[in-house]
Amino acid sequence: MAIMIREYLNSTFKQGYREVNLKESATYNPARVSPNALVVDIEGLHVIGTGNFTRYMEEALDSSIPSWTKPYNKPLITHHDEESGDVIGRINSVRKERTNTLSGTPALIFNVSVLEKEAIERVKDGRYMTTSVGIIAHDVRCSCCGYDIMDESGCPEHRRGEIYNGEYAYWDIYKMEAKELSYVNVPSDPFA
């Protein structure tokens, strides 16, 4: 069992996600991208608590790095709208930075090619500025007691976003894989 998570405020979570084994894929070659593409770096995911009361542990960032570009380069879309099929770009590569990040914590830096003409203009003029990740979480635990959130019943003692002993309860993510990166209006990670 895994949990699909889209990190923007007021997102919904789907439990019971069934993994699909993808045996065929096309290899994305950034060198074959249109010369009119805009290539940018996006500081897109940090080791901090988000507005959705999830926290990405450093090992989650590490475990996800290969999945952003394998078996195919994940899409850059808008507002987590996977259903429309409108891809405005692709992720070329991902690296983790430990220092000198906006949050002061380890972060994933996405090198992306923005391919769609209107999206390029929106990035250049600042309308597309903040981002959010769509991931599939495989190891999620309650920050208060360490309970495995993946258990069908969830944590019986603590609710995410509630305060216990003066601290918020978070879903701590320890292992995840990539789904997509989106430009969004209101990211739950304020530094994305």
N, C-alpha and C. Protein backbone atom coordinates (compact mmCIF):
# COMPACT_ATOMS: atom_id res chain seq x y z
N MET A 1 0.84 -1.18 0.00
CA MET A 1 0.00 0.00 0.00
C MET A 1 0.88 1.24 0.00
N ALA A 2 0.44 2.28 -0.69
CA ALA A 2 1.15 3.55 -0.75
C ALA A 2 0.13 4.66 -0.70
N ILE A 3 0.59 5.86 -0.48
CA ILE A 3 -0.28 7.03 -0.43
C ILE A 3 0.18 8.01 -1.49
N MET A 4 -0.74 8.45 -2.35
CA MET A 4 -0.41 9.46 -3.34
C MET A 4 -0.60 10.82 -2.68
N ILE A 5 0.41 11.69 -2.79
CA ILE A 5 0.37 12.99 -2.14
C ILE A 5 0.68 14.06 -3.17
N ARG A 6 -0.15 15.07 -3.19
CA ARG A 6 0.11 16.26 -3.99
C ARG A 6 0.27 17.38 -3.00
N GLU A 7 1.43 18.02 -3.01
CA GLU A 7 1.78 19.00 -1.97
C GLU A 7 1.36 20.41 -2.33
N TYR A 8 0.08 20.66 -2.30
CA TYR A 8 -0.40 22.02 -2.35
C TYR A 8 -1.50 22.13 -1.32
N LEU A 9 -1.78 23.32 -0.87
CA LEU A 9 -2.73 23.48 0.22
C LEU A 9 -4.10 22.96 -0.15
N ASN A 10 -4.72 22.26 0.80
CA ASN A 10 -6.05 21.69 0.67
C ASN A 10 -6.12 20.54 -0.33
N SER A 11 -4.99 19.86 -0.55
CA SER A 11 -5.02 18.71 -1.45
C SER A 11 -5.68 17.54 -0.74
N THR A 12 -6.07 16.55 -1.52
CA THR A 12 -6.66 15.35 -0.95
C THR A 12 -5.66 14.21 -1.05
N PHE A 13 -5.82 13.22 -0.22
CA PHE A 13 -4.92 12.09 -0.19
C PHE A 13 -5.70 10.85 -0.55
N LYS A 14 -5.13 10.02 -1.39
CA LYS A 14 -5.77 8.78 -1.79
C LYS A 14 -5.01 7.62 -1.19
N GLN A 15 -5.67 6.85 -0.36
CA GLN A 15 -5.03 5.67 0.19
C GLN A 15 -5.42 4.47 -0.67
N GLY A 16 -4.62 3.45 -0.61
CA GLY A 16 -4.90 2.24 -1.37
C GLY A 16 -4.41 2.30 -2.79
N TYR A 17 -3.50 3.21 -3.11
CA TYR A 17 -2.93 3.32 -4.44
C TYR A 17 -2.25 2.01 -4.81
N ARG A 18 -2.53 1.51 -5.97
CA ARG A 18 -1.93 0.27 -6.43
C ARG A 18 -0.82 0.59 -7.42
N GLU A 19 0.35 0.06 -7.16
CA GLU A 19 1.49 0.33 -8.03
C GLU A 19 1.31 -0.38 -9.37
N VAL A 20 1.81 0.22 -10.41
CA VAL A 20 1.78 -0.37 -11.74
C VAL A 20 3.21 -0.50 -12.22
N ASN A 21 3.57 -1.68 -12.69
CA ASN A 21 4.92 -1.91 -13.19
C ASN A 21 4.99 -1.42 -14.63
N LEU A 22 5.80 -0.41 -14.88
CA LEU A 22 5.97 0.13 -16.21
C LEU A 22 7.19 -0.51 -16.86
N LYS A 23 6.97 -1.36 -17.85
CA LYS A 23 8.08 -2.07 -18.46
C LYS A 23 8.61 -1.36 -19.70
N GLU A 24 7.81 -0.51 -20.32
CA GLU A 24 8.25 0.21 -21.50
C GLU A 24 8.36 1.69 -21.17
N SER A 25 9.35 2.34 -21.73
CA SER A 25 9.46 3.78 -21.55
C SER A 25 10.32 4.36 -22.67
N ALA A 26 10.07 5.60 -22.94
CA ALA A 26 10.90 6.32 -23.90
C ALA A 26 11.99 7.04 -23.11
N THR A 27 13.17 7.07 -23.65
CA THR A 27 14.26 7.79 -22.99
C THR A 27 14.21 9.24 -23.41
N TYR A 28 14.12 10.11 -22.44
CA TYR A 28 14.06 11.55 -22.70
C TYR A 28 15.47 12.06 -22.84
N ASN A 29 15.73 12.77 -23.89
CA ASN A 29 17.04 13.33 -24.14
C ASN A 29 16.93 14.84 -24.19
N PRO A 30 17.40 15.54 -23.13
CA PRO A 30 17.29 17.00 -23.13
C PRO A 30 17.96 17.67 -24.34
N ALA A 31 18.94 17.00 -24.93
CA ALA A 31 19.62 17.58 -26.08
C ALA A 31 18.68 17.67 -27.29
N ARG A 32 17.62 16.82 -27.30
CA ARG A 32 16.68 16.84 -28.41
C ARG A 32 15.52 17.81 -28.19
N VAL A 33 15.53 18.53 -27.08
CA VAL A 33 14.47 19.48 -26.79
C VAL A 33 14.61 20.68 -27.70
N SER A 34 13.50 21.28 -28.01
CA SER A 34 13.48 22.45 -28.87
C SER A 34 14.47 23.51 -28.39
N PRO A 35 15.17 24.16 -29.30
CA PRO A 35 16.09 25.23 -28.90
C PRO A 35 15.34 26.42 -28.29
N ASN A 36 14.02 26.43 -28.44
CA ASN A 36 13.21 27.51 -27.87
C ASN A 36 12.78 27.22 -26.43
N ALA A 37 13.16 26.07 -25.91
CA ALA A 37 12.79 25.72 -24.53
C ALA A 37 13.51 26.64 -23.56
N LEU A 38 12.86 26.87 -22.42
CA LEU A 38 13.46 27.62 -21.34
C LEU A 38 13.92 26.62 -20.28
N VAL A 39 15.20 26.60 -19.97
CA VAL A 39 15.74 25.66 -18.98
C VAL A 39 15.98 26.44 -17.69
N VAL A 40 15.34 25.96 -16.61
CA VAL A 40 15.45 26.64 -15.31
C VAL A 40 15.68 25.64 -14.20
N ASP A 41 16.27 26.11 -13.10
CA ASP A 41 16.38 25.33 -11.87
C ASP A 41 15.28 25.76 -10.93
N ILE A 42 14.62 24.77 -10.33
CA ILE A 42 13.54 25.02 -9.38
C ILE A 42 13.91 24.37 -8.06
N GLU A 43 13.97 25.17 -7.00
CA GLU A 43 14.20 24.63 -5.66
C GLU A 43 12.82 24.21 -5.16
N GLY A 44 12.52 22.91 -5.30
CA GLY A 44 11.14 22.49 -5.22
C GLY A 44 10.68 21.67 -4.04
N LEU A 45 11.56 21.20 -3.18
CA LEU A 45 11.11 20.38 -2.05
C LEU A 45 12.15 20.45 -0.95
N HIS A 46 11.70 20.75 0.26
CA HIS A 46 12.60 21.00 1.38
C HIS A 46 12.32 20.07 2.56
N VAL A 47 13.32 19.90 3.39
CA VAL A 47 13.17 19.12 4.62
C VAL A 47 12.61 20.07 5.69
N ILE A 48 11.30 20.32 5.56
CA ILE A 48 10.60 21.19 6.51
C ILE A 48 9.17 20.67 6.65
N GLY A 49 8.44 21.18 7.63
CA GLY A 49 7.02 20.90 7.73
C GLY A 49 6.27 21.77 6.73
N THR A 50 5.29 21.19 6.05
CA THR A 50 4.52 21.94 5.06
C THR A 50 3.19 22.40 5.65
N GLY A 51 2.50 23.22 4.90
CA GLY A 51 1.18 23.68 5.29
C GLY A 51 0.15 22.57 5.36
N ASN A 52 0.45 21.42 4.75
CA ASN A 52 -0.44 20.25 4.81
C ASN A 52 -0.06 19.32 5.96
N PHE A 53 0.87 19.77 6.80
CA PHE A 53 1.33 18.98 7.95
C PHE A 53 1.95 17.66 7.52
N THR A 54 2.76 17.73 6.46
CA THR A 54 3.64 16.64 6.08
C THR A 54 5.06 17.16 6.22
N ARG A 55 5.96 16.26 6.54
CA ARG A 55 7.39 16.60 6.59
C ARG A 55 8.13 15.56 5.76
N TYR A 56 9.02 16.06 4.93
CA TYR A 56 9.84 15.20 4.09
C TYR A 56 11.18 15.02 4.77
N MET A 57 11.49 13.80 5.15
CA MET A 57 12.75 13.49 5.78
C MET A 57 13.84 13.47 4.70
N GLU A 58 15.06 13.70 5.12
CA GLU A 58 16.16 13.75 4.15
C GLU A 58 16.27 12.45 3.36
N GLU A 59 16.03 11.31 4.02
CA GLU A 59 16.12 10.03 3.31
C GLU A 59 15.03 9.90 2.25
N ALA A 60 13.90 10.60 2.42
CA ALA A 60 12.86 10.59 1.39
C ALA A 60 13.34 11.33 0.14
N LEU A 61 14.00 12.46 0.36
CA LEU A 61 14.55 13.18 -0.78
C LEU A 61 15.55 12.30 -1.51
N ASP A 62 16.47 11.67 -0.75
CA ASP A 62 17.48 10.80 -1.35
C ASP A 62 16.85 9.65 -2.13
N SER A 63 15.86 8.98 -1.53
CA SER A 63 15.27 7.80 -2.17
C SER A 63 14.51 8.16 -3.44
N SER A 64 14.05 9.41 -3.55
CA SER A 64 13.25 9.78 -4.71
C SER A 64 14.07 10.23 -5.91
N ILE A 65 15.31 10.60 -5.72
CA ILE A 65 16.08 11.23 -6.81
C ILE A 65 16.06 10.42 -8.10
N PRO A 66 16.36 9.12 -8.10
CA PRO A 66 16.33 8.40 -9.38
C PRO A 66 14.95 8.38 -10.04
N SER A 67 13.89 8.38 -9.25
CA SER A 67 12.55 8.24 -9.81
C SER A 67 12.06 9.48 -10.55
N TRP A 68 12.73 10.61 -10.40
CA TRP A 68 12.32 11.82 -11.13
C TRP A 68 12.66 11.73 -12.61
N THR A 69 13.65 10.87 -12.95
CA THR A 69 14.06 10.78 -14.36
C THR A 69 14.07 9.34 -14.89
N LYS A 70 13.70 8.38 -14.08
CA LYS A 70 13.67 6.99 -14.53
C LYS A 70 12.38 6.34 -14.05
N PRO A 71 11.70 5.55 -14.83
CA PRO A 71 12.07 5.08 -16.16
C PRO A 71 11.86 6.11 -17.26
N TYR A 72 11.29 7.27 -16.91
CA TYR A 72 11.15 8.37 -17.87
C TYR A 72 11.23 9.68 -17.10
N ASN A 73 11.52 10.76 -17.79
CA ASN A 73 11.60 12.07 -17.15
C ASN A 73 10.19 12.54 -16.82
N LYS A 74 9.96 12.76 -15.54
CA LYS A 74 8.62 13.11 -15.08
C LYS A 74 8.21 14.47 -15.62
N PRO A 75 6.89 14.66 -15.76
CA PRO A 75 6.38 15.89 -16.37
C PRO A 75 6.38 17.08 -15.44
N LEU A 76 6.46 18.24 -16.05
CA LEU A 76 6.20 19.52 -15.41
C LEU A 76 4.83 19.94 -15.91
N ILE A 77 3.87 20.10 -14.98
CA ILE A 77 2.50 20.42 -15.34
C ILE A 77 2.04 21.61 -14.48
N THR A 78 0.77 21.93 -14.54
CA THR A 78 0.23 22.99 -13.70
C THR A 78 -0.88 22.44 -12.81
N HIS A 79 -0.90 22.88 -11.58
CA HIS A 79 -1.97 22.60 -10.62
C HIS A 79 -2.29 21.11 -10.45
N HIS A 80 -1.28 20.27 -10.60
CA HIS A 80 -1.44 18.83 -10.44
C HIS A 80 -2.52 18.25 -11.35
N ASP A 81 -2.75 18.87 -12.48
CA ASP A 81 -3.81 18.44 -13.41
C ASP A 81 -3.26 17.36 -14.34
N GLU A 82 -3.19 16.15 -13.83
CA GLU A 82 -2.70 15.02 -14.62
C GLU A 82 -3.71 14.59 -15.68
N GLU A 83 -4.98 14.81 -15.41
CA GLU A 83 -6.03 14.30 -16.29
C GLU A 83 -6.06 15.00 -17.65
N SER A 84 -5.70 16.29 -17.70
CA SER A 84 -5.79 17.01 -18.97
C SER A 84 -4.71 16.57 -19.96
N GLY A 85 -3.61 16.05 -19.43
CA GLY A 85 -2.53 15.62 -20.30
C GLY A 85 -1.67 16.76 -20.80
N ASP A 86 -1.90 17.97 -20.30
CA ASP A 86 -1.13 19.12 -20.75
C ASP A 86 0.21 19.19 -20.01
N VAL A 87 1.26 18.77 -20.69
CA VAL A 87 2.60 18.81 -20.14
C VAL A 87 3.26 20.08 -20.66
N ILE A 88 3.73 20.92 -19.74
CA ILE A 88 4.37 22.16 -20.18
C ILE A 88 5.89 22.03 -20.20
N GLY A 89 6.40 20.91 -19.71
CA GLY A 89 7.84 20.68 -19.70
C GLY A 89 8.18 19.32 -19.12
N ARG A 90 9.47 19.09 -18.95
CA ARG A 90 9.98 17.83 -18.40
C ARG A 90 11.13 18.12 -17.45
N ILE A 91 11.28 17.23 -16.48
CA ILE A 91 12.40 17.31 -15.55
C ILE A 91 13.61 16.69 -16.22
N ASN A 92 14.70 17.45 -16.31
CA ASN A 92 15.94 16.96 -16.93
C ASN A 92 16.79 16.20 -15.92
N SER A 93 16.91 16.77 -14.72
CA SER A 93 17.75 16.16 -13.69
C SER A 93 17.34 16.71 -12.32
N VAL A 94 17.77 16.00 -11.28
CA VAL A 94 17.46 16.41 -9.91
C VAL A 94 18.72 16.20 -9.08
N ARG A 95 18.98 17.15 -8.20
CA ARG A 95 20.09 17.01 -7.27
C ARG A 95 19.64 17.50 -5.90
N LYS A 96 20.33 17.05 -4.87
CA LYS A 96 20.02 17.52 -3.53
C LYS A 96 21.08 18.51 -3.10
N GLU A 97 20.63 19.63 -2.56
CA GLU A 97 21.53 20.63 -1.98
C GLU A 97 21.35 20.58 -0.48
N ARG A 98 22.43 20.59 0.24
CA ARG A 98 22.36 20.54 1.70
C ARG A 98 22.44 21.91 2.35
N THR A 99 23.09 22.84 1.68
CA THR A 99 23.29 24.18 2.25
C THR A 99 22.89 25.24 1.23
N ASN A 100 22.82 26.46 1.66
CA ASN A 100 22.50 27.59 0.79
C ASN A 100 21.17 27.42 0.05
N THR A 101 20.18 26.89 0.75
CA THR A 101 18.85 26.78 0.18
C THR A 101 17.96 27.87 0.78
N LEU A 102 16.84 28.13 0.16
CA LEU A 102 15.93 29.16 0.65
C LEU A 102 15.44 28.89 2.07
N SER A 103 15.25 27.61 2.40
CA SER A 103 14.75 27.24 3.73
C SER A 103 15.87 27.05 4.74
N GLY A 104 17.10 26.98 4.26
CA GLY A 104 18.22 26.68 5.15
C GLY A 104 18.31 25.20 5.50
N THR A 105 17.51 24.37 4.84
CA THR A 105 17.51 22.92 5.07
C THR A 105 17.83 22.22 3.75
N PRO A 106 18.16 20.92 3.78
CA PRO A 106 18.36 20.21 2.52
C PRO A 106 17.12 20.34 1.61
N ALA A 107 17.38 20.38 0.31
CA ALA A 107 16.29 20.57 -0.66
C ALA A 107 16.63 19.87 -1.97
N LEU A 108 15.59 19.52 -2.72
CA LEU A 108 15.77 19.01 -4.07
C LEU A 108 15.72 20.18 -5.05
N ILE A 109 16.68 20.19 -5.97
CA ILE A 109 16.74 21.19 -7.02
C ILE A 109 16.44 20.47 -8.33
N PHE A 110 15.39 20.91 -9.00
CA PHE A 110 14.94 20.31 -10.26
C PHE A 110 15.44 21.17 -11.41
N ASN A 111 16.15 20.56 -12.36
CA ASN A 111 16.50 21.24 -13.59
C ASN A 111 15.43 20.82 -14.60
N VAL A 112 14.67 21.79 -15.10
CA VAL A 112 13.55 21.48 -15.98
C VAL A 112 13.66 22.24 -17.29
N SER A 113 13.08 21.66 -18.32
CA SER A 113 12.91 22.34 -19.60
C SER A 113 11.44 22.70 -19.71
N VAL A 114 11.15 24.00 -19.77
CA VAL A 114 9.79 24.48 -20.00
C VAL A 114 9.64 24.57 -21.51
N LEU A 115 8.68 23.83 -22.06
CA LEU A 115 8.58 23.66 -23.50
C LEU A 115 7.43 24.42 -24.15
N GLU A 116 6.37 24.66 -23.42
CA GLU A 116 5.16 25.27 -23.95
C GLU A 116 5.32 26.79 -23.97
N LYS A 117 5.01 27.41 -25.10
CA LYS A 117 5.28 28.83 -25.32
C LYS A 117 4.63 29.72 -24.25
N GLU A 118 3.36 29.51 -23.96
CA GLU A 118 2.68 30.34 -22.96
C GLU A 118 3.28 30.13 -21.57
N ALA A 119 3.66 28.90 -21.26
CA ALA A 119 4.29 28.62 -19.96
C ALA A 119 5.64 29.34 -19.84
N ILE A 120 6.40 29.39 -20.92
CA ILE A 120 7.68 30.09 -20.91
C ILE A 120 7.45 31.56 -20.56
N GLU A 121 6.46 32.17 -21.17
CA GLU A 121 6.15 33.58 -20.88
C GLU A 121 5.73 33.76 -19.43
N ARG A 122 4.95 32.82 -18.90
CA ARG A 122 4.48 32.92 -17.51
C ARG A 122 5.64 32.74 -16.52
N VAL A 123 6.61 31.90 -16.86
CA VAL A 123 7.79 31.79 -16.00
C VAL A 123 8.59 33.08 -16.05
N LYS A 124 8.79 33.59 -17.24
CA LYS A 124 9.59 34.81 -17.40
C LYS A 124 8.97 36.02 -16.72
N ASP A 125 7.64 36.14 -16.77
CA ASP A 125 7.02 37.33 -16.17
C ASP A 125 6.61 37.12 -14.71
N GLY A 126 6.88 35.93 -14.17
CA GLY A 126 6.65 35.69 -12.74
C GLY A 126 5.29 35.12 -12.37
N ARG A 127 4.42 34.89 -13.35
CA ARG A 127 3.13 34.29 -13.00
C ARG A 127 3.31 32.85 -12.55
N TYR A 128 4.24 32.12 -13.17
CA TYR A 128 4.60 30.78 -12.69
C TYR A 128 5.86 30.96 -11.84
N MET A 129 5.69 30.90 -10.54
CA MET A 129 6.81 31.13 -9.64
C MET A 129 6.94 30.05 -8.57
N THR A 130 5.83 29.54 -8.10
CA THR A 130 5.85 28.58 -6.99
C THR A 130 5.43 27.20 -7.47
N THR A 131 5.99 26.18 -6.81
CA THR A 131 5.77 24.82 -7.28
C THR A 131 5.32 23.88 -6.16
N SER A 132 4.95 22.70 -6.56
CA SER A 132 4.47 21.67 -5.66
C SER A 132 4.80 20.32 -6.29
N VAL A 133 5.10 19.34 -5.44
CA VAL A 133 5.41 18.01 -5.95
C VAL A 133 4.20 17.10 -5.83
N GLY A 134 4.09 16.19 -6.76
CA GLY A 134 3.16 15.07 -6.68
C GLY A 134 4.01 13.83 -6.52
N ILE A 135 3.83 13.11 -5.43
CA ILE A 135 4.67 11.95 -5.15
C ILE A 135 3.80 10.77 -4.72
N ILE A 136 4.41 9.60 -4.67
CA ILE A 136 3.78 8.43 -4.08
C ILE A 136 4.63 8.07 -2.86
N ALA A 137 4.02 8.13 -1.70
CA ALA A 137 4.74 7.86 -0.45
C ALA A 137 4.64 6.38 -0.10
N HIS A 138 5.78 5.81 0.29
CA HIS A 138 5.82 4.39 0.64
C HIS A 138 6.12 4.13 2.10
N ASP A 139 6.64 5.11 2.80
CA ASP A 139 6.93 4.97 4.24
C ASP A 139 6.55 6.29 4.91
N VAL A 140 5.40 6.28 5.58
CA VAL A 140 4.87 7.48 6.22
C VAL A 140 4.57 7.14 7.67
N ARG A 141 5.06 7.97 8.58
CA ARG A 141 4.89 7.70 10.01
C ARG A 141 4.35 8.93 10.73
N CYS A 142 3.65 8.70 11.82
CA CYS A 142 3.16 9.77 12.69
C CYS A 142 4.36 10.40 13.39
N SER A 143 4.44 11.73 13.37
CA SER A 143 5.57 12.42 14.01
C SER A 143 5.53 12.32 15.53
N CYS A 144 4.37 12.08 16.09
CA CYS A 144 4.25 12.02 17.55
C CYS A 144 4.67 10.67 18.12
N CYS A 145 4.29 9.59 17.44
CA CYS A 145 4.53 8.26 18.03
C CYS A 145 5.23 7.29 17.09
N GLY A 146 5.46 7.69 15.83
CA GLY A 146 6.14 6.81 14.89
C GLY A 146 5.25 5.76 14.27
N TYR A 147 3.95 5.80 14.52
CA TYR A 147 3.01 4.81 14.00
C TYR A 147 3.02 4.83 12.47
N ASP A 148 2.95 3.67 11.88
CA ASP A 148 2.96 3.52 10.43
C ASP A 148 1.61 3.98 9.87
N ILE A 149 1.60 5.12 9.20
CA ILE A 149 0.38 5.67 8.62
C ILE A 149 -0.15 4.76 7.51
N MET A 150 0.72 3.95 6.94
CA MET A 150 0.33 3.07 5.84
C MET A 150 -0.61 1.97 6.32
N ASP A 151 -0.66 1.73 7.64
CA ASP A 151 -1.61 0.77 8.19
C ASP A 151 -3.01 1.23 7.81
N GLU A 152 -3.86 0.33 7.43
CA GLU A 152 -5.19 0.71 6.94
C GLU A 152 -5.98 1.58 7.90
N SER A 153 -5.76 1.43 9.17
CA SER A 153 -6.54 2.21 10.13
C SER A 153 -5.93 3.58 10.42
N GLY A 154 -4.71 3.84 9.95
CA GLY A 154 -4.05 5.11 10.25
C GLY A 154 -3.62 5.15 11.71
N CYS A 155 -3.09 6.26 12.14
CA CYS A 155 -2.64 6.39 13.52
C CYS A 155 -3.85 6.54 14.44
N PRO A 156 -4.01 5.62 15.40
CA PRO A 156 -5.19 5.69 16.27
C PRO A 156 -5.11 6.78 17.33
N GLU A 157 -3.92 7.31 17.59
CA GLU A 157 -3.72 8.26 18.69
C GLU A 157 -3.68 9.72 18.26
N HIS A 158 -3.20 9.99 17.04
CA HIS A 158 -2.92 11.38 16.65
C HIS A 158 -3.49 11.69 15.27
N ARG A 159 -3.98 12.89 15.13
CA ARG A 159 -4.49 13.37 13.83
C ARG A 159 -3.54 14.43 13.29
N ARG A 160 -3.19 14.28 12.05
CA ARG A 160 -2.30 15.23 11.38
C ARG A 160 -2.88 16.63 11.49
N GLY A 161 -2.02 17.60 11.88
CA GLY A 161 -2.44 18.99 12.00
C GLY A 161 -2.97 19.38 13.36
N GLU A 162 -3.20 18.41 14.24
CA GLU A 162 -3.65 18.69 15.60
C GLU A 162 -2.43 18.89 16.51
N ILE A 163 -2.61 19.60 17.62
CA ILE A 163 -1.51 19.87 18.55
C ILE A 163 -1.56 18.89 19.71
N TYR A 164 -0.40 18.27 19.99
CA TYR A 164 -0.24 17.35 21.10
C TYR A 164 1.01 17.76 21.87
N ASN A 165 0.86 17.98 23.16
CA ASN A 165 1.99 18.41 24.00
C ASN A 165 2.72 19.61 23.40
N GLY A 166 1.94 20.54 22.86
CA GLY A 166 2.52 21.76 22.32
C GLY A 166 3.13 21.65 20.94
N GLU A 167 3.03 20.49 20.29
CA GLU A 167 3.62 20.27 18.97
C GLU A 167 2.56 19.77 17.99
N TYR A 168 2.67 20.24 16.74
CA TYR A 168 1.77 19.73 15.71
C TYR A 168 2.11 18.29 15.36
N ALA A 169 1.09 17.52 15.03
CA ALA A 169 1.29 16.17 14.50
C ALA A 169 1.48 16.28 12.99
N TYR A 170 2.53 15.64 12.48
CA TYR A 170 2.83 15.62 11.05
C TYR A 170 2.82 14.20 10.54
N TRP A 171 2.65 14.05 9.24
CA TRP A 171 2.95 12.80 8.57
C TRP A 171 4.40 12.94 8.11
N ASP A 172 5.29 12.16 8.68
CA ASP A 172 6.71 12.18 8.30
C ASP A 172 6.94 11.16 7.19
N ILE A 173 7.43 11.63 6.06
CA ILE A 173 7.65 10.78 4.90
C ILE A 173 9.12 10.39 4.84
N TYR A 174 9.37 9.07 4.84
CA TYR A 174 10.72 8.54 4.84
C TYR A 174 11.13 7.92 3.51
N LYS A 175 10.15 7.51 2.70
CA LYS A 175 10.47 6.93 1.39
C LYS A 175 9.35 7.30 0.43
N MET A 176 9.76 7.73 -0.77
CA MET A 176 8.77 8.18 -1.76
C MET A 176 9.34 8.01 -3.16
N GLU A 177 8.42 8.10 -4.14
CA GLU A 177 8.84 8.11 -5.54
C GLU A 177 8.11 9.24 -6.26
N ALA A 178 8.70 9.71 -7.33
CA ALA A 178 8.20 10.87 -8.06
C ALA A 178 7.00 10.53 -8.92
N LYS A 179 6.14 11.52 -9.06
CA LYS A 179 5.01 11.43 -9.98
C LYS A 179 5.06 12.61 -10.95
N GLU A 180 5.12 13.84 -10.41
CA GLU A 180 5.15 15.04 -11.24
C GLU A 180 5.55 16.24 -10.41
N LEU A 181 5.91 17.31 -11.12
CA LEU A 181 6.20 18.61 -10.51
C LEU A 181 5.24 19.60 -11.16
N SER A 182 4.59 20.43 -10.33
CA SER A 182 3.58 21.36 -10.83
C SER A 182 3.88 22.79 -10.43
N TYR A 183 3.58 23.70 -11.34
CA TYR A 183 3.47 25.10 -10.94
C TYR A 183 2.10 25.25 -10.31
N VAL A 184 2.05 25.85 -9.11
CA VAL A 184 0.79 26.07 -8.40
C VAL A 184 0.77 27.51 -7.88
N ASN A 185 -0.42 27.99 -7.54
CA ASN A 185 -0.55 29.34 -7.01
C ASN A 185 -0.17 29.43 -5.54
N VAL A 186 -0.54 28.41 -4.76
CA VAL A 186 -0.31 28.44 -3.32
C VAL A 186 0.35 27.12 -2.89
N PRO A 187 1.68 27.09 -2.82
CA PRO A 187 2.35 25.85 -2.43
C PRO A 187 2.28 25.64 -0.92
N SER A 188 2.24 24.38 -0.51
CA SER A 188 2.26 24.13 0.95
C SER A 188 3.67 24.24 1.49
N ASP A 189 4.68 24.06 0.64
CA ASP A 189 6.08 24.32 1.02
C ASP A 189 6.35 25.77 0.59
N PRO A 190 6.43 26.70 1.55
CA PRO A 190 6.52 28.12 1.19
C PRO A 190 7.79 28.50 0.45
N PHE A 191 8.80 27.62 0.45
CA PHE A 191 10.05 27.91 -0.22
C PHE A 191 10.15 27.30 -1.61
N ALA A 192 9.10 26.56 -2.03
CA ALA A 192 9.15 25.86 -3.32
C ALA A 192 8.87 26.83 -4.46
